[in-house]
């Protein structure tokens, strides 16, 4: 049996010393270092793998909203955001993600706000998160 991967890989990973990993995005060469969190035998000196899941959700939401806004000439303005990740034990897993998206300098009407919120809550990352992870997204318009 030929084990050659015929599909191009997205990234390559190397496990380094002290529970640290190095990932390289093959198309761009962008690099990410991850570290085990302090509460799980690590130094917490970089994003943990579960931090990246939380961060990916925010990034996905903002990206798909931005794509829609650009295609439809919607003035979404700037977005400041934060994400809180809550872990559970037995087994160790992400149990909750709390996001806040603050829209600044926008020109959104109520219809556009509702549409963008629906797009955000149905982004690919949100649809990929397990149902037993509670996700709360707060939309704030300044």
Protein backbone atom coordinates (compact mmCIF):
# COMPACT_ATOMS: atom_id res chain seq x y z
CA UNK A 1 0.00 0.00 0.00
CA UNK A 2 1.31 3.42 -0.95
CA UNK A 3 1.14 5.81 2.03
CA UNK A 4 2.08 8.85 -0.04
CA UNK A 5 -0.24 11.76 0.65
CA UNK A 6 -1.48 13.00 -2.72
CA UNK A 7 -3.21 16.05 -1.26
CA UNK A 8 -1.09 19.05 -0.40
CA UNK A 9 -0.68 19.55 3.32
CA UNK A 10 -1.79 22.76 5.02
CA UNK A 11 0.96 22.87 7.62
CA UNK A 12 3.94 21.04 9.00
CA UNK A 13 4.57 20.59 12.71
CA UNK A 14 7.59 19.89 14.85
CA UNK A 15 7.48 18.97 18.50
CA UNK A 16 10.24 20.82 20.32
CA UNK A 17 11.52 20.47 23.87
CA UNK A 18 9.53 21.50 26.94
CA UNK A 19 6.04 20.79 25.51
CA UNK A 20 6.46 23.34 22.75
CA UNK A 21 5.47 22.86 19.11
CA UNK A 22 6.34 24.77 15.97
CA UNK A 23 3.92 24.94 13.03
CA UNK A 24 4.62 26.31 9.58
CA UNK A 25 1.83 27.24 7.18
CA UNK A 26 3.13 25.80 3.93
CA UNK A 27 1.55 28.25 1.51
CA UNK A 28 2.70 31.43 3.26
CA UNK A 29 5.58 30.32 5.46
CA UNK A 30 3.89 31.90 8.50
CA UNK A 31 4.96 30.25 11.73
CA UNK A 32 3.15 29.61 15.01
CA UNK A 33 4.69 28.43 18.26
CA UNK A 34 2.45 26.69 20.78
CA UNK A 35 3.18 25.88 24.38
CA UNK A 36 1.37 23.78 26.94
CA UNK A 37 -0.56 25.97 29.40
CA UNK A 38 0.68 26.53 32.94
CA UNK A 39 -2.27 24.59 34.39
CA UNK A 40 -1.29 21.55 32.31
CA UNK A 41 2.48 21.14 32.82
CA UNK A 42 3.59 23.89 30.45
CA UNK A 43 5.23 27.28 30.70
CA UNK A 44 2.35 29.18 29.08
CA UNK A 45 4.79 31.24 27.03
CA UNK A 46 2.77 31.02 23.80
CA UNK A 47 -0.71 30.12 22.61
CA UNK A 48 -1.79 26.65 23.70
CA UNK A 49 -3.51 24.42 21.15
CA UNK A 50 -6.86 25.14 22.81
CA UNK A 51 -6.11 28.88 22.76
CA UNK A 52 -5.77 28.52 18.99
CA UNK A 53 -9.23 26.92 18.79
CA UNK A 54 -10.70 29.91 20.64
CA UNK A 55 -8.72 32.37 18.55
CA UNK A 56 -9.66 30.59 15.32
CA UNK A 57 -13.34 31.05 16.14
CA UNK A 58 -12.96 34.83 16.50
CA UNK A 59 -10.82 35.02 13.37
CA UNK A 60 -13.32 32.98 11.37
CA UNK A 61 -16.26 35.10 12.51
CA UNK A 62 -14.53 38.37 11.65
CA UNK A 63 -13.29 37.02 8.33
CA UNK A 64 -16.66 35.78 7.04
CA UNK A 65 -18.40 38.98 8.16
CA UNK A 66 -15.70 41.01 6.41
CA UNK A 67 -16.03 38.99 3.21
CA UNK A 68 -19.78 39.55 3.15
CA UNK A 69 -19.43 43.25 3.98
CA UNK A 70 -16.85 43.77 1.23
CA UNK A 71 -18.94 41.96 -1.38
CA UNK A 72 -22.06 43.95 -0.45
CA UNK A 73 -20.53 47.40 0.14
CA UNK A 74 -21.43 47.38 3.83
CA UNK A 75 -19.48 49.74 6.09
CA UNK A 76 -18.72 47.33 8.93
CA UNK A 77 -16.05 49.58 10.47
CA UNK A 78 -13.42 48.20 12.79
CA UNK A 79 -13.96 45.33 15.19
CA UNK A 80 -12.24 44.95 18.53
CA UNK A 81 -12.77 41.51 20.00
CA UNK A 82 -11.83 39.23 22.83
CA UNK A 83 -12.38 35.59 23.66
CA UNK A 84 -12.45 33.82 27.01
CA UNK A 85 -11.76 30.09 26.98
CA UNK A 86 -12.96 27.98 29.90
CA UNK A 87 -11.54 24.50 30.33
CA UNK A 88 -13.12 21.49 32.03
CA UNK A 89 -11.53 18.36 33.48
CA UNK A 90 -12.42 14.69 33.18
CA UNK A 91 -11.62 14.63 30.31
CA UNK A 92 -9.71 17.87 29.85
CA UNK A 93 -11.48 19.85 27.16
CA UNK A 94 -12.81 23.26 26.18
CA UNK A 95 -16.18 23.64 27.87
CA UNK A 96 -17.03 27.25 27.07
CA UNK A 97 -16.01 30.08 24.74
CA UNK A 98 -17.21 33.60 25.46
CA UNK A 99 -16.64 36.15 22.72
CA UNK A 100 -17.24 39.87 22.56
CA UNK A 101 -17.21 41.75 19.26
CA UNK A 102 -17.19 45.54 19.49
CA UNK A 103 -17.99 47.34 16.24
CA UNK A 104 -16.37 50.77 15.99
CA UNK A 105 -16.92 53.45 13.35
CA UNK A 106 -19.58 51.37 11.60
CA UNK A 107 -22.50 52.47 9.47
CA UNK A 108 -24.68 49.42 10.05
CA UNK A 109 -28.45 49.54 10.14
CA UNK A 110 -30.49 47.02 12.13
CA UNK A 111 -31.03 44.72 9.14
CA UNK A 112 -27.29 44.62 8.38
CA UNK A 113 -26.47 43.96 12.04
CA UNK A 114 -28.85 40.99 12.14
CA UNK A 115 -27.48 39.62 8.87
CA UNK A 116 -23.85 39.91 10.00
CA UNK A 117 -24.68 38.28 13.32
CA UNK A 118 -26.26 35.33 11.52
CA UNK A 119 -23.21 35.03 9.26
CA UNK A 120 -20.94 35.16 12.32
CA UNK A 121 -22.79 32.45 14.22
CA UNK A 122 -22.73 30.16 11.18
CA UNK A 123 -19.09 30.54 10.15
CA UNK A 124 -17.19 27.32 9.32
CA UNK A 125 -15.36 27.32 12.65
CA UNK A 126 -18.58 27.75 14.63
CA UNK A 127 -20.12 24.86 12.68
CA UNK A 128 -17.04 22.73 13.45
CA UNK A 129 -17.13 23.20 17.23
CA UNK A 130 -18.69 20.32 19.14
CA UNK A 131 -22.20 20.82 20.46
CA UNK A 132 -21.07 20.25 24.07
CA UNK A 133 -18.93 23.41 23.96
CA UNK A 134 -21.00 26.38 25.04
CA UNK A 135 -20.38 29.40 22.78
CA UNK A 136 -21.63 32.84 23.69
CA UNK A 137 -21.13 35.78 21.33
CA UNK A 138 -21.88 39.32 22.47
CA UNK A 139 -22.23 41.93 19.74
CA UNK A 140 -21.64 45.56 20.82
CA UNK A 141 -22.17 48.50 18.47
CA UNK A 142 -20.45 51.77 19.38
